[in-house]
Amino acid sequence: QVQLVESGGGLVQAGGSLRLSCAASGRNFINYVMAWFRQAPGKEREFVAAIGWVPSDTNYADSVKGRFTISRDNAKNTVYLQINSLKAEDTAVYYCAAGYGTSTLNWWGQGTQVTVSS
């Protein structure tokens, strides 16, 4: 069983930056693919970014490429999402997920709210 706890969300002005963190409990963190998703009000949850066992193995939604960076620290069992040049449309609850592949994300966190003011 893996427990995921997100942090780092908040209210920020457009153009600002945030770094979200997701701390994972349990063993074998290094074996998991980690991902971030987000859900804006009235919209479905959407994929944002993922990182594989090898930290250089990353994948991003087209809408965030160049502004978001996913990274992981296996020694701290933590995955990060650096968000730069925030836009109003980035307002959403951001969720961390873990699994053995991006199609098998078995564990999810409770989410952290990001609100961007224009």
C-alpha atoms as a PDB file:
ATOM      1  CA  GLN A   1       0.000   0.000   0.000  1.00  0.00           C
ATOM      2  CA  VAL A   2       1.249   3.475  -0.885  1.00  0.00           C
ATOM      3  CA  GLN A   3       0.053   6.686   0.659  1.00  0.00           C
ATOM      4  CA  LEU A   4       0.606   9.950  -1.176  1.00  0.00           C
ATOM      5  CA  VAL A   5       0.425  13.400   0.391  1.00  0.00           C
ATOM      6  CA  GLU A   6       0.585  16.492  -1.771  1.00  0.00           C
ATOM      7  CA  SER A   7       1.616  19.927  -0.584  1.00  0.00           C
ATOM      8  CA  GLY A   8       2.695  23.273  -1.968  1.00  0.00           C
ATOM      9  CA  GLY A   9      -0.511  24.525  -3.484  1.00  0.00           C
ATOM     10  CA  GLY A  10      -1.867  27.993  -2.872  1.00  0.00           C
ATOM     11  CA  LEU A  11      -3.004  31.275  -4.332  1.00  0.00           C
ATOM     12  CA  VAL A  12      -0.574  32.892  -6.728  1.00  0.00           C
ATOM     13  CA  GLN A  13      -0.706  35.674  -9.262  1.00  0.00           C
ATOM     14  CA  ALA A  14      -0.535  34.977 -12.968  1.00  0.00           C
ATOM     15  CA  GLY A  15       3.059  34.729 -14.085  1.00  0.00           C
ATOM     16  CA  GLY A  16       4.191  33.397 -10.734  1.00  0.00           C
ATOM     17  CA  SER A  17       5.618  30.032  -9.770  1.00  0.00           C
ATOM     18  CA  LEU A  18       4.877  27.199  -7.391  1.00  0.00           C
ATOM     19  CA  ARG A  19       6.517  23.927  -6.524  1.00  0.00           C
ATOM     20  CA  LEU A  20       4.229  21.104  -5.600  1.00  0.00           C
ATOM     21  CA  SER A  21       5.510  18.160  -3.611  1.00  0.00           C
ATOM     22  CA  CYS A  22       4.163  14.668  -3.212  1.00  0.00           C
ATOM     23  CA  ALA A  23       5.558  12.550  -0.408  1.00  0.00           C
ATOM     24  CA  ALA A  24       5.075   8.814  -0.677  1.00  0.00           C
ATOM     25  CA  SER A  25       5.018   6.321   2.140  1.00  0.00           C
ATOM     26  CA  GLY A  26       5.750   2.657   1.800  1.00  0.00           C
ATOM     27  CA  ARG A  27       8.491   0.711   0.157  1.00  0.00           C
ATOM     28  CA  ASN A  28       9.829   0.529  -3.324  1.00  0.00           C
ATOM     29  CA  PHE A  29       9.202   4.139  -4.283  1.00  0.00           C
ATOM     30  CA  ILE A  30      11.968   3.872  -6.843  1.00  0.00           C
ATOM     31  CA  ASN A  31       9.974   1.213  -8.692  1.00  0.00           C
ATOM     32  CA  TYR A  32       6.938   3.397  -9.260  1.00  0.00           C
ATOM     33  CA  VAL A  33       6.009   5.626 -12.123  1.00  0.00           C
ATOM     34  CA  MET A  34       4.850   8.890 -10.602  1.00  0.00           C
ATOM     35  CA  ALA A  35       2.445  11.292 -12.218  1.00  0.00           C
ATOM     36  CA  TRP A  36       0.593  14.523 -11.700  1.00  0.00           C
ATOM     37  CA  PHE A  37      -2.960  15.145 -12.814  1.00  0.00           C
ATOM     38  CA  ARG A  38      -5.230  18.115 -12.331  1.00  0.00           C
ATOM     39  CA  GLN A  39      -8.933  18.789 -12.248  1.00  0.00           C
ATOM     40  CA  ALA A  40     -10.338  22.231 -12.871  1.00  0.00           C
ATOM     41  CA  PRO A  41     -13.829  23.199 -11.727  1.00  0.00           C
ATOM     42  CA  GLY A  42     -16.443  21.635 -13.958  1.00  0.00           C
ATOM     43  CA  LYS A  43     -13.886  19.682 -15.971  1.00  0.00           C
ATOM     44  CA  GLU A  44     -12.594  16.148 -16.027  1.00  0.00           C
ATOM     45  CA  ARG A  45      -9.318  15.173 -14.462  1.00  0.00           C
ATOM     46  CA  GLU A  46      -6.488  15.517 -16.955  1.00  0.00           C
ATOM     47  CA  PHE A  47      -2.934  14.260 -17.206  1.00  0.00           C
ATOM     48  CA  VAL A  48      -0.202  16.805 -16.531  1.00  0.00           C
ATOM     49  CA  ALA A  49       3.137  15.011 -16.292  1.00  0.00           C
ATOM     50  CA  ALA A  50       4.771  11.703 -15.475  1.00  0.00           C
ATOM     51  CA  ILE A  51       8.224  10.481 -14.541  1.00  0.00           C
ATOM     52  CA  GLY A  52       9.570   6.975 -14.754  1.00  0.00           C
ATOM     53  CA  TRP A  53      12.057   5.007 -12.733  1.00  0.00           C
ATOM     54  CA  VAL A  54      14.814   6.853 -14.514  1.00  0.00           C
ATOM     55  CA  PRO A  55      14.468  10.540 -13.627  1.00  0.00           C
ATOM     56  CA  SER A  56      15.195  11.601 -17.192  1.00  0.00           C
ATOM     57  CA  ASP A  57      12.195   9.627 -18.435  1.00  0.00           C
ATOM     58  CA  THR A  58       9.517  12.306 -18.366  1.00  0.00           C
ATOM     59  CA  ASN A  59       6.338  13.016 -20.268  1.00  0.00           C
ATOM     60  CA  TYR A  60       4.174  16.138 -20.329  1.00  0.00           C
ATOM     61  CA  ALA A  61       0.792  17.253 -21.558  1.00  0.00           C
ATOM     62  CA  ASP A  62       1.166  19.631 -24.485  1.00  0.00           C
ATOM     63  CA  SER A  63      -0.566  22.368 -22.516  1.00  0.00           C
ATOM     64  CA  VAL A  64       2.191  22.497 -19.902  1.00  0.00           C
ATOM     65  CA  LYS A  65       5.331  21.762 -21.893  1.00  0.00           C
ATOM     66  CA  GLY A  66       8.002  24.356 -21.301  1.00  0.00           C
ATOM     67  CA  ARG A  67       6.357  25.657 -18.111  1.00  0.00           C
ATOM     68  CA  PHE A  68       6.080  22.581 -15.875  1.00  0.00           C
ATOM     69  CA  THR A  69       8.907  20.338 -14.743  1.00  0.00           C
ATOM     70  CA  ILE A  70       8.442  17.029 -12.982  1.00  0.00           C
ATOM     71  CA  SER A  71      11.265  15.572 -10.936  1.00  0.00           C
ATOM     72  CA  ARG A  72      11.804  13.000  -8.230  1.00  0.00           C
ATOM     73  CA  ASP A  73      14.077  12.449  -5.268  1.00  0.00           C
ATOM     74  CA  ASN A  74      14.154   8.737  -4.596  1.00  0.00           C
ATOM     75  CA  ALA A  75      16.096   9.210  -1.371  1.00  0.00           C
ATOM     76  CA  LYS A  76      13.220  11.291  -0.015  1.00  0.00           C
ATOM     77  CA  ASN A  77      10.394   9.301  -1.613  1.00  0.00           C
ATOM     78  CA  THR A  78       9.156  12.545  -3.094  1.00  0.00           C
ATOM     79  CA  VAL A  79       8.092  13.749  -6.507  1.00  0.00           C
ATOM     80  CA  TYR A  80       7.892  17.406  -7.406  1.00  0.00           C
ATOM     81  CA  LEU A  81       6.108  19.553  -9.937  1.00  0.00           C
ATOM     82  CA  GLN A  82       7.691  22.922 -10.627  1.00  0.00           C
ATOM     83  CA  ILE A  83       5.146  25.232 -12.205  1.00  0.00           C
ATOM     84  CA  ASN A  84       6.332  28.437 -13.828  1.00  0.00           C
ATOM     85  CA  SER A  85       4.572  31.225 -15.724  1.00  0.00           C
ATOM     86  CA  LEU A  86       1.276  30.319 -14.127  1.00  0.00           C
ATOM     87  CA  LYS A  87      -1.882  31.102 -16.039  1.00  0.00           C
ATOM     88  CA  ALA A  88      -5.475  31.426 -14.889  1.00  0.00           C
ATOM     89  CA  GLU A  89      -6.277  28.188 -16.717  1.00  0.00           C
ATOM     90  CA  ASP A  90      -3.815  26.346 -14.473  1.00  0.00           C
ATOM     91  CA  THR A  91      -6.269  26.805 -11.602  1.00  0.00           C
ATOM     92  CA  ALA A  92      -7.187  23.304 -10.468  1.00  0.00           C
ATOM     93  CA  VAL A  93      -6.766  20.683  -7.820  1.00  0.00           C
ATOM     94  CA  TYR A  94      -3.498  18.902  -8.524  1.00  0.00           C
ATOM     95  CA  TYR A  95      -3.261  15.201  -7.736  1.00  0.00           C
ATOM     96  CA  CYS A  96      -0.259  12.961  -7.381  1.00  0.00           C
ATOM     97  CA  ALA A  97      -0.489   9.349  -8.497  1.00  0.00           C
ATOM     98  CA  ALA A  98       1.764   6.292  -8.358  1.00  0.00           C
ATOM     99  CA  GLY A  99       1.819   2.950 -10.095  1.00  0.00           C
ATOM    100  CA  TYR A 100       3.773   0.529 -12.206  1.00  0.00           C
ATOM    101  CA  GLY A 101       2.932   2.394 -15.369  1.00  0.00           C
ATOM    102  CA  THR A 102       0.957   5.410 -16.504  1.00  0.00           C
ATOM    103  CA  SER A 103      -1.933   3.130 -17.387  1.00  0.00           C
ATOM    104  CA  THR A 104      -1.837   1.429 -13.994  1.00  0.00           C
ATOM    105  CA  LEU A 105      -1.770   4.239 -11.466  1.00  0.00           C
ATOM    106  CA  ASN A 106      -3.092   2.450  -8.434  1.00  0.00           C
ATOM    107  CA  TRP A 107      -2.564   5.044  -5.736  1.00  0.00           C
ATOM    108  CA  TRP A 108      -3.719   8.627  -5.559  1.00  0.00           C
ATOM    109  CA  GLY A 109      -3.284  11.504  -3.162  1.00  0.00           C
ATOM    110  CA  GLN A 110      -6.019  13.798  -1.890  1.00  0.00           C
ATOM    111  CA  GLY A 111      -4.928  16.732  -4.002  1.00  0.00           C
ATOM    112  CA  THR A 112      -3.664  20.246  -3.434  1.00  0.00           C
ATOM    113  CA  GLN A 113      -5.441  23.357  -4.675  1.00  0.00           C
ATOM    114  CA  VAL A 114      -3.682  25.760  -7.010  1.00  0.00           C
ATOM    115  CA  THR A 115      -5.477  29.030  -7.675  1.00  0.00           C
ATOM    116  CA  VAL A 116      -4.084  31.567 -10.109  1.00  0.00           C
ATOM    117  CA  SER A 117      -5.374  35.118  -9.930  1.00  0.00           C
ATOM    118  CA  SER A 118      -5.235  37.325 -12.980  1.00  0.00           C
END
